[in-house]
PDB file of N, CA and C in Angstrom:
ATOM      1  N   MET A   1      19.710   3.790   9.086  1.00  0.00           N
ATOM      2  CA  MET A   1      20.206   3.203  10.523  1.00  0.00           C
ATOM      3  C   MET A   1      20.272   1.598  10.035  1.00  0.00           C
ATOM      4  N   ASN A   2      19.930   1.314   8.717  1.00  0.00           N
ATOM      5  CA  ASN A   2      20.099  -0.114   8.621  1.00  0.00           C
ATOM      6  C   ASN A   2      19.425  -1.317   9.599  1.00  0.00           C
ATOM      7  N   LEU A   3      18.194  -0.934   9.995  1.00  0.00           N
ATOM      8  CA  LEU A   3      17.563  -2.084  10.941  1.00  0.00           C
ATOM      9  C   LEU A   3      16.188  -2.490  10.496  1.00  0.00           C
ATOM     10  N   LEU A   4      15.849  -3.414  10.533  1.00  0.00           N
ATOM     11  CA  LEU A   4      14.442  -4.027  10.213  1.00  0.00           C
ATOM     12  C   LEU A   4      13.503  -3.675  11.385  1.00  0.00           C
ATOM     13  N   ARG A   5      12.601  -2.967  10.946  1.00  0.00           N
ATOM     14  CA  ARG A   5      11.543  -2.335  11.836  1.00  0.00           C
ATOM     15  C   ARG A   5      10.339  -3.358  11.976  1.00  0.00           C
ATOM     16  N   TRP A   6      10.131  -3.977  10.875  1.00  0.00           N
ATOM     17  CA  TRP A   6       9.124  -4.945  10.915  1.00  0.00           C
ATOM     18  C   TRP A   6       9.223  -5.580   9.394  1.00  0.00           C
ATOM     19  N   GLU A   7       8.213  -6.901   9.554  1.00  0.00           N
ATOM     20  CA  GLU A   7       8.429  -7.357   8.130  1.00  0.00           C
ATOM     21  C   GLU A   7       6.882  -8.259   8.355  1.00  0.00           C
ATOM     22  N   THR A   8       6.238  -8.532   6.883  1.00  0.00           N
ATOM     23  CA  THR A   8       5.208  -9.148   6.988  1.00  0.00           C
ATOM     24  C   THR A   8       5.054  -9.853   5.681  1.00  0.00           C
ATOM     25  N   ASN A   9       4.331 -10.909   5.204  1.00  0.00           N
ATOM     26  CA  ASN A   9       4.194 -11.411   4.152  1.00  0.00           C
ATOM     27  C   ASN A   9       2.959 -11.289   3.304  1.00  0.00           C
ATOM     28  N   LEU A  10       2.869 -10.943   2.030  1.00  0.00           N
ATOM     29  CA  LEU A  10       1.647 -10.289   1.460  1.00  0.00           C
ATOM     30  C   LEU A  10       1.268 -11.321   0.179  1.00  0.00           C
ATOM     31  N   LYS A  11       1.896 -12.654   0.270  1.00  0.00           N
ATOM     32  CA  LYS A  11       1.987 -13.640  -0.397  1.00  0.00           C
ATOM     33  C   LYS A  11       2.337 -13.217  -1.926  1.00  0.00           C
ATOM     34  N   ASN A  12       1.583 -14.046  -2.907  1.00  0.00           N
ATOM     35  CA  ASN A  12       1.936 -13.669  -4.290  1.00  0.00           C
ATOM     36  C   ASN A  12       2.478 -12.558  -4.845  1.00  0.00           C
ATOM     37  N   GLY A  13       3.660 -11.854  -4.566  1.00  0.00           N
ATOM     38  CA  GLY A  13       4.491 -10.766  -5.250  1.00  0.00           C
ATOM     39  C   GLY A  13       3.919  -9.663  -4.904  1.00  0.00           C
ATOM     40  N   VAL A  14       4.738  -8.577  -4.321  1.00  0.00           N
ATOM     41  CA  VAL A  14       4.388  -7.227  -4.461  1.00  0.00           C
ATOM     42  C   VAL A  14       4.749  -6.533  -5.722  1.00  0.00           C
ATOM     43  N   CYS A  15       4.120  -5.470  -6.067  1.00  0.00           N
ATOM     44  CA  CYS A  15       4.247  -4.986  -7.571  1.00  0.00           C
ATOM     45  C   CYS A  15       4.777  -3.667  -7.207  1.00  0.00           C
ATOM     46  N   TYR A  16       4.481  -2.963  -6.251  1.00  0.00           N
ATOM     47  CA  TYR A  16       4.545  -1.443  -6.028  1.00  0.00           C
ATOM     48  C   TYR A  16       4.292  -1.259  -4.477  1.00  0.00           C
ATOM     49  N   LEU A  17       5.272  -0.231  -3.987  1.00  0.00           N
ATOM     50  CA  LEU A  17       4.963   0.474  -2.453  1.00  0.00           C
ATOM     51  C   LEU A  17       4.992   1.956  -2.558  1.00  0.00           C
ATOM     52  N   GLU A  18       4.340   2.340  -1.977  1.00  0.00           N
ATOM     53  CA  GLU A  18       4.416   3.813  -2.014  1.00  0.00           C
ATOM     54  C   GLU A  18       3.884   4.544  -0.664  1.00  0.00           C
ATOM     55  N   PHE A  19       4.645   5.278   0.093  1.00  0.00           N
ATOM     56  CA  PHE A  19       4.323   6.121   1.312  1.00  0.00           C
ATOM     57  C   PHE A  19       3.557   7.292   0.860  1.00  0.00           C
ATOM     58  N   ASP A  20       2.514   7.718   1.673  1.00  0.00           N
ATOM     59  CA  ASP A  20       1.548   8.743   0.913  1.00  0.00           C
ATOM     60  C   ASP A  20       2.404  10.262   0.696  1.00  0.00           C
ATOM     61  N   ARG A  21       3.482  10.776   1.602  1.00  0.00           N
ATOM     62  CA  ARG A  21       4.156  11.802   1.303  1.00  0.00           C
ATOM     63  C   ARG A  21       5.613  11.651   1.560  1.00  0.00           C
ATOM     64  N   LYS A  22       6.239  12.584   0.881  1.00  0.00           N
ATOM     65  CA  LYS A  22       7.958  12.186   1.176  1.00  0.00           C
ATOM     66  C   LYS A  22       8.280  13.414   2.168  1.00  0.00           C
ATOM     67  N   ASP A  23       7.494  14.577   2.429  1.00  0.00           N
ATOM     68  CA  ASP A  23       7.911  15.255   3.224  1.00  0.00           C
ATOM     69  C   ASP A  23       7.485  15.379   4.974  1.00  0.00           C
ATOM     70  N   ILE A  24       6.901  14.476   5.351  1.00  0.00           N
ATOM     71  CA  ILE A  24       6.539  14.083   6.673  1.00  0.00           C
ATOM     72  C   ILE A  24       6.833  12.540   6.975  1.00  0.00           C
ATOM     73  N   PRO A  25       7.131  12.408   8.441  1.00  0.00           N
ATOM     74  CA  PRO A  25       7.151  11.219   8.711  1.00  0.00           C
ATOM     75  C   PRO A  25       6.327  10.154   8.219  1.00  0.00           C
ATOM     76  N   MET A  26       6.645   8.636   8.344  1.00  0.00           N
ATOM     77  CA  MET A  26       5.569   7.754   7.725  1.00  0.00           C
ATOM     78  C   MET A  26       4.656   7.558   8.078  1.00  0.00           C
ATOM     79  N   ASN A  27       3.581   7.630   7.407  1.00  0.00           N
ATOM     80  CA  ASN A  27       2.245   7.892   7.770  1.00  0.00           C
ATOM     81  C   ASN A  27       1.451   6.442   7.195  1.00  0.00           C
ATOM     82  N   LYS A  28       1.321   6.383   5.971  1.00  0.00           N
ATOM     83  CA  LYS A  28       0.251   5.498   5.497  1.00  0.00           C
ATOM     84  C   LYS A  28       0.945   4.742   4.564  1.00  0.00           C
ATOM     85  N   LEU A  29       1.174   3.625   4.297  1.00  0.00           N
ATOM     86  CA  LEU A  29       1.991   2.597   3.241  1.00  0.00           C
ATOM     87  C   LEU A  29       1.104   1.854   2.293  1.00  0.00           C
ATOM     88  N   VAL A  30       0.914   1.924   1.047  1.00  0.00           N
ATOM     89  CA  VAL A  30       0.149   1.270   0.171  1.00  0.00           C
ATOM     90  C   VAL A  30       0.984   0.239  -0.573  1.00  0.00           C
ATOM     91  N   ALA A  31       0.699  -0.991  -0.575  1.00  0.00           N
ATOM     92  CA  ALA A  31       1.350  -1.988  -1.495  1.00  0.00           C
ATOM     93  C   ALA A  31       0.147  -2.661  -2.481  1.00  0.00           C
ATOM     94  N   THR A  32       0.629  -2.998  -3.556  1.00  0.00           N
ATOM     95  CA  THR A  32      -0.045  -3.416  -4.438  1.00  0.00           C
ATOM     96  C   THR A  32       0.675  -5.017  -4.944  1.00  0.00           C
ATOM     97  N   THR A  33      -0.686  -5.905  -5.019  1.00  0.00           N
ATOM     98  CA  THR A  33       0.220  -7.157  -5.607  1.00  0.00           C
ATOM     99  C   THR A  33      -0.081  -7.807  -6.703  1.00  0.00           C
ATOM    100  N   LEU A  34       0.493  -8.969  -6.948  1.00  0.00           N
ATOM    101  CA  LEU A  34      -0.172  -9.775  -8.408  1.00  0.00           C
ATOM    102  C   LEU A  34      -1.228 -10.346  -8.350  1.00  0.00           C
ATOM    103  N   GLU A  35      -1.641 -10.812  -7.340  1.00  0.00           N
ATOM    104  CA  GLU A  35      -3.224 -10.866  -6.862  1.00  0.00           C
ATOM    105  C   GLU A  35      -4.173 -10.435  -6.762  1.00  0.00           C
ATOM    106  N   SER A  36      -4.326  -9.138  -7.550  1.00  0.00           N
ATOM    107  CA  SER A  36      -5.503  -8.247  -7.555  1.00  0.00           C
ATOM    108  C   SER A  36      -5.703  -7.688  -6.101  1.00  0.00           C
ATOM    109  N   LYS A  37      -4.995  -7.266  -5.323  1.00  0.00           N
ATOM    110  CA  LYS A  37      -5.170  -6.481  -3.985  1.00  0.00           C
ATOM    111  C   LYS A  37      -4.165  -5.720  -3.666  1.00  0.00           C
ATOM    112  N   ILE A  38      -4.884  -4.568  -2.851  1.00  0.00           N
ATOM    113  CA  ILE A  38      -4.080  -3.615  -2.450  1.00  0.00           C
ATOM    114  C   ILE A  38      -4.206  -3.532  -0.901  1.00  0.00           C
ATOM    115  N   HIS A  39      -3.083  -3.267  -0.381  1.00  0.00           N
ATOM    116  CA  HIS A  39      -2.830  -3.719   1.315  1.00  0.00           C
ATOM    117  C   HIS A  39      -2.383  -1.826   1.861  1.00  0.00           C
ATOM    118  N   VAL A  40      -3.369  -1.755   2.469  1.00  0.00           N
ATOM    119  CA  VAL A  40      -3.119  -0.345   3.389  1.00  0.00           C
ATOM    120  C   VAL A  40      -2.525  -0.301   4.649  1.00  0.00           C
ATOM    121  N   PHE A  41      -1.256   0.264   5.175  1.00  0.00           N
ATOM    122  CA  PHE A  41      -0.966   0.017   6.272  1.00  0.00           C
ATOM    123  C   PHE A  41      -0.833   1.391   7.014  1.00  0.00           C
ATOM    124  N   ASN A  42      -0.969   1.632   8.324  1.00  0.00           N
ATOM    125  CA  ASN A  42      -0.977   2.782   9.118  1.00  0.00           C
ATOM    126  C   ASN A  42       0.671   2.594   9.682  1.00  0.00           C
ATOM    127  N   MET A  43       1.424   3.325   9.329  1.00  0.00           N
ATOM    128  CA  MET A  43       2.692   3.062   9.893  1.00  0.00           C
ATOM    129  C   MET A  43       2.950   3.900  11.109  1.00  0.00           C
ATOM    130  N   ARG A  44       1.811   4.459  11.805  1.00  0.00           N
ATOM    131  CA  ARG A  44       1.884   5.073  12.949  1.00  0.00           C
ATOM    132  C   ARG A  44       1.321   4.302  14.248  1.00  0.00           C
ATOM    133  N   THR A  45       0.683   3.190  13.743  1.00  0.00           N
ATOM    134  CA  THR A  45       0.086   2.430  14.618  1.00  0.00           C
ATOM    135  C   THR A  45       0.459   1.067  14.768  1.00  0.00           C
ATOM    136  N   ASN A  46       1.514   0.673  15.587  1.00  0.00           N
ATOM    137  CA  ASN A  46       2.201  -0.825  15.833  1.00  0.00           C
ATOM    138  C   ASN A  46       2.105  -1.406  17.149  1.00  0.00           C
ATOM    139  N   HIS A  47       1.451  -2.721  16.898  1.00  0.00           N
ATOM    140  CA  HIS A  47       0.946  -3.628  18.064  1.00  0.00           C
ATOM    141  C   HIS A  47       2.445  -4.324  17.968  1.00  0.00           C
ATOM    142  N   PRO A  48       2.912  -4.553  19.360  1.00  0.00           N
ATOM    143  CA  PRO A  48       4.049  -5.407  19.356  1.00  0.00           C
ATOM    144  C   PRO A  48       4.306  -6.726  18.810  1.00  0.00           C
ATOM    145  N   GLU A  49       2.929  -7.266  18.837  1.00  0.00           N
ATOM    146  CA  GLU A  49       3.131  -8.735  18.270  1.00  0.00           C
ATOM    147  C   GLU A  49       2.489  -8.580  16.703  1.00  0.00           C
ATOM    148  N   LEU A  50       1.303  -8.130  16.634  1.00  0.00           N
ATOM    149  CA  LEU A  50       0.557  -8.371  15.463  1.00  0.00           C
ATOM    150  C   LEU A  50       1.053  -7.216  14.356  1.00  0.00           C
ATOM    151  N   GLY A  51       1.797  -6.212  14.832  1.00  0.00           N
ATOM    152  CA  GLY A  51       2.337  -5.403  13.529  1.00  0.00           C
ATOM    153  C   GLY A  51       1.638  -4.253  13.438  1.00  0.00           C
ATOM    154  N   TYR A  52       1.769  -3.382  11.937  1.00  0.00           N
ATOM    155  CA  TYR A  52       1.311  -2.231  11.895  1.00  0.00           C
ATOM    156  C   TYR A  52      -0.343  -2.516  11.451  1.00  0.00           C
ATOM    157  N   ALA A  53      -1.408  -1.668  11.740  1.00  0.00           N
ATOM    158  CA  ALA A  53      -2.423  -1.522  11.599  1.00  0.00           C
ATOM    159  C   ALA A  53      -2.765  -1.601   9.861  1.00  0.00           C
ATOM    160  N   GLY A  54      -3.731  -2.286   9.633  1.00  0.00           N
ATOM    161  CA  GLY A  54      -3.823  -2.125   8.104  1.00  0.00           C
ATOM    162  C   GLY A  54      -5.134  -3.015   7.466  1.00  0.00           C
ATOM    163  N   LEU A  55      -5.356  -2.724   6.421  1.00  0.00           N
ATOM    164  CA  LEU A  55      -6.169  -3.537   5.687  1.00  0.00           C
ATOM    165  C   LEU A  55      -5.986  -3.830   4.524  1.00  0.00           C
ATOM    166  N   SER A  56      -6.610  -4.856   3.896  1.00  0.00           N
ATOM    167  CA  SER A  56      -6.420  -5.445   2.551  1.00  0.00           C
ATOM    168  C   SER A  56      -7.979  -5.497   1.767  1.00  0.00           C
ATOM    169  N   GLU A  57      -7.998  -5.212   0.273  1.00  0.00           N
ATOM    170  CA  GLU A  57      -8.873  -5.233  -0.328  1.00  0.00           C
ATOM    171  C   GLU A  57      -8.679  -5.716  -1.935  1.00  0.00           C
ATOM    172  N   LEU A  58      -9.674  -6.693  -2.035  1.00  0.00           N
ATOM    173  CA  LEU A  58      -9.536  -7.447  -3.493  1.00  0.00           C
ATOM    174  C   LEU A  58     -10.140  -5.906  -4.458  1.00  0.00           C
ATOM    175  N   ALA A  59      -9.183  -5.316  -5.451  1.00  0.00           N
ATOM    176  CA  ALA A  59      -9.343  -4.320  -5.953  1.00  0.00           C
ATOM    177  C   ALA A  59      -9.917  -4.086  -7.618  1.00  0.00           C
ATOM    178  N   HIS A  60      -8.860  -5.212  -8.017  1.00  0.00           N
ATOM    179  CA  HIS A  60      -9.337  -5.152  -9.739  1.00  0.00           C
ATOM    180  C   HIS A  60      -9.248  -6.658  -9.800  1.00  0.00           C
ATOM    181  N   ASN A  61      -9.733  -7.019 -11.188  1.00  0.00           N
ATOM    182  CA  ASN A  61      -9.613  -8.278 -11.580  1.00  0.00           C
ATOM    183  C   ASN A  61      -8.581  -9.064 -12.120  1.00  0.00           C
ATOM    184  N   SER A  62      -7.352  -8.312 -11.707  1.00  0.00           N
ATOM    185  CA  SER A  62      -6.000  -8.587 -12.629  1.00  0.00           C
ATOM    186  C   SER A  62      -5.237  -7.716 -11.616  1.00  0.00           C
ATOM    187  N   THR A  63      -3.856  -7.991 -12.075  1.00  0.00           N
ATOM    188  CA  THR A  63      -2.371  -7.800 -11.447  1.00  0.00           C
ATOM    189  C   THR A  63      -2.816  -6.269 -11.312  1.00  0.00           C
ATOM    190  N   ILE A  64      -2.294  -5.391 -10.127  1.00  0.00           N
ATOM    191  CA  ILE A  64      -2.459  -4.133  -9.905  1.00  0.00           C
ATOM    192  C   ILE A  64      -0.880  -3.630  -9.942  1.00  0.00           C
ATOM    193  N   TRP A  65      -0.616  -2.794 -10.921  1.00  0.00           N
ATOM    194  CA  TRP A  65       0.872  -2.627 -11.153  1.00  0.00           C
ATOM    195  C   TRP A  65       1.255  -1.395 -10.178  1.00  0.00           C
ATOM    196  N   GLY A  66       0.496  -0.353 -10.230  1.00  0.00           N
ATOM    197  CA  GLY A  66       1.006   0.675  -9.370  1.00  0.00           C
ATOM    198  C   GLY A  66      -0.329   1.523  -8.586  1.00  0.00           C
ATOM    199  N   ALA A  67       0.362   2.455  -7.746  1.00  0.00           N
ATOM    200  CA  ALA A  67      -0.713   3.105  -6.889  1.00  0.00           C
ATOM    201  C   ALA A  67       0.261   4.589  -6.654  1.00  0.00           C
ATOM    202  N   LYS A  68      -0.717   5.736  -6.778  1.00  0.00           N
ATOM    203  CA  LYS A  68       0.018   6.680  -6.376  1.00  0.00           C
ATOM    204  C   LYS A  68      -1.025   7.480  -5.522  1.00  0.00           C
ATOM    205  N   HIS A  69      -0.269   8.301  -4.496  1.00  0.00           N
ATOM    206  CA  HIS A  69      -1.181   9.198  -3.764  1.00  0.00           C
ATOM    207  C   HIS A  69      -1.551  10.823  -4.148  1.00  0.00           C
ATOM    208  N   CYS A  70      -2.753  11.196  -4.116  1.00  0.00           N
ATOM    209  CA  CYS A  70      -2.639  12.678  -4.382  1.00  0.00           C
ATOM    210  C   CYS A  70      -2.059  13.614  -3.482  1.00  0.00           C
ATOM    211  N   PRO A  71      -1.391  14.442  -4.180  1.00  0.00           N
ATOM    212  CA  PRO A  71      -0.372  15.375  -3.531  1.00  0.00           C
ATOM    213  C   PRO A  71      -1.013  16.461  -2.782  1.00  0.00           C
ATOM    214  N   GLN A  72      -2.363  16.753  -3.248  1.00  0.00           N
ATOM    215  CA  GLN A  72      -3.236  17.830  -2.408  1.00  0.00           C
ATOM    216  C   GLN A  72      -3.893  17.022  -0.946  1.00  0.00           C
ATOM    217  N   ASN A  73      -4.010  15.723  -0.993  1.00  0.00           N
ATOM    218  CA  ASN A  73      -4.852  14.923  -0.233  1.00  0.00           C
ATOM    219  C   ASN A  73      -4.350  13.759   0.231  1.00  0.00           C
ATOM    220  N   ARG A  74      -3.536  13.235   1.230  1.00  0.00           N
ATOM    221  CA  ARG A  74      -2.925  12.089   0.971  1.00  0.00           C
ATOM    222  C   ARG A  74      -3.682  10.938   1.524  1.00  0.00           C
ATOM    223  N   ASP A  75      -4.937  11.255   1.802  1.00  0.00           N
ATOM    224  CA  ASP A  75      -5.882  10.328   2.076  1.00  0.00           C
ATOM    225  C   ASP A  75      -6.570   9.442   1.037  1.00  0.00           C
ATOM    226  N   LEU A  76      -6.111  10.127  -0.535  1.00  0.00           N
ATOM    227  CA  LEU A  76      -6.803   9.503  -1.725  1.00  0.00           C
ATOM    228  C   LEU A  76      -5.596   9.041  -2.430  1.00  0.00           C
ATOM    229  N   PHE A  77      -5.859   7.819  -2.982  1.00  0.00           N
ATOM    230  CA  PHE A  77      -4.811   7.245  -3.968  1.00  0.00           C
ATOM    231  C   PHE A  77      -5.424   6.423  -4.977  1.00  0.00           C
ATOM    232  N   MET A  78      -4.749   6.442  -6.111  1.00  0.00           N
ATOM    233  CA  MET A  78      -5.292   5.636  -7.364  1.00  0.00           C
ATOM    234  C   MET A  78      -4.398   4.616  -7.605  1.00  0.00           C
ATOM    235  N   THR A  79      -5.056   3.509  -8.111  1.00  0.00           N
ATOM    236  CA  THR A  79      -4.465   2.047  -8.530  1.00  0.00           C
ATOM    237  C   THR A  79      -4.834   1.773 -10.107  1.00  0.00           C
ATOM    238  N   LEU A  80      -3.639   1.345 -10.555  1.00  0.00           N
ATOM    239  CA  LEU A  80      -3.696   1.148 -12.076  1.00  0.00           C
ATOM    240  C   LEU A  80      -3.436  -0.546 -12.124  1.00  0.00           C
ATOM    241  N   GLY A  81      -4.724  -1.012 -12.874  1.00  0.00           N
ATOM    242  CA  GLY A  81      -4.800  -2.277 -12.932  1.00  0.00           C
ATOM    243  C   GLY A  81      -4.120  -3.010 -14.463  1.00  0.00           C
ATOM    244  N   ASN A  82      -4.143  -4.258 -14.674  1.00  0.00           N
ATOM    245  CA  ASN A  82      -3.618  -4.727 -15.675  1.00  0.00           C
ATOM    246  C   ASN A  82      -4.552  -4.510 -17.011  1.00  0.00           C
ATOM    247  N   THR A  83      -5.960  -4.371 -16.793  1.00  0.00           N
ATOM    248  CA  THR A  83      -6.957  -4.248 -17.781  1.00  0.00           C
ATOM    249  C   THR A  83      -7.193  -2.948 -18.014  1.00  0.00           C
ATOM    250  N   ASN A  84      -5.829  -2.143 -17.875  1.00  0.00           N
ATOM    251  CA  ASN A  84      -6.173  -0.496 -18.414  1.00  0.00           C
ATOM    252  C   ASN A  84      -7.104   0.197 -17.820  1.00  0.00           C
ATOM    253  N   ASN A  85      -7.547  -0.131 -16.439  1.00  0.00           N
ATOM    254  CA  ASN A  85      -8.376   0.716 -15.706  1.00  0.00           C
ATOM    255  C   ASN A  85      -7.671   1.140 -14.511  1.00  0.00           C
ATOM    256  N   ILE A  86      -8.199   2.416 -13.684  1.00  0.00           N
ATOM    257  CA  ILE A  86      -7.600   3.156 -12.677  1.00  0.00           C
ATOM    258  C   ILE A  86      -9.113   2.987 -11.706  1.00  0.00           C
ATOM    259  N   SER A  87      -8.608   3.075 -10.489  1.00  0.00           N
ATOM    260  CA  SER A  87      -9.675   3.109  -9.413  1.00  0.00           C
ATOM    261  C   SER A  87      -9.169   4.226  -8.358  1.00  0.00           C
ATOM    262  N   MET A  88      -9.906   4.954  -7.777  1.00  0.00           N
ATOM    263  CA  MET A  88      -9.541   5.799  -6.663  1.00  0.00           C
ATOM    264  C   MET A  88     -10.164   5.254  -5.486  1.00  0.00           C
ATOM    265  N   TYR A  89      -9.257   5.582  -4.575  1.00  0.00           N
ATOM    266  CA  TYR A  89      -9.823   5.093  -3.077  1.00  0.00           C
ATOM    267  C   TYR A  89      -9.315   6.324  -1.996  1.00  0.00           C
TER     268      TYR A  89
END
C-alpha cells in the first residue's frame, strides 16, 4: 500500500532487520546495529504516541551483523557479532 506506518531512530546505523516468520502477520521485528545493540519490537502492540512496544539490549562488544529466528520456535533468535561469536536469545 506504500504508506508509512511507523518510524523510529536507532542511532548509529542499522545492520540487519528480520521479522520472526514470513507465513504469519507481523509479530516480532529484530534490528541489529553498529553500536552492539539488538532492538526487538512487538509489532502487534502499538501506542499512538510512543510507537511499538520493544526493548534494547547491549549484546556483543562489537557490531552485530545479523540476526536469525529459529524456524521451529519464533521466540528464539541468534545474533552474529563482529568478533566471530554468536548468541542466542
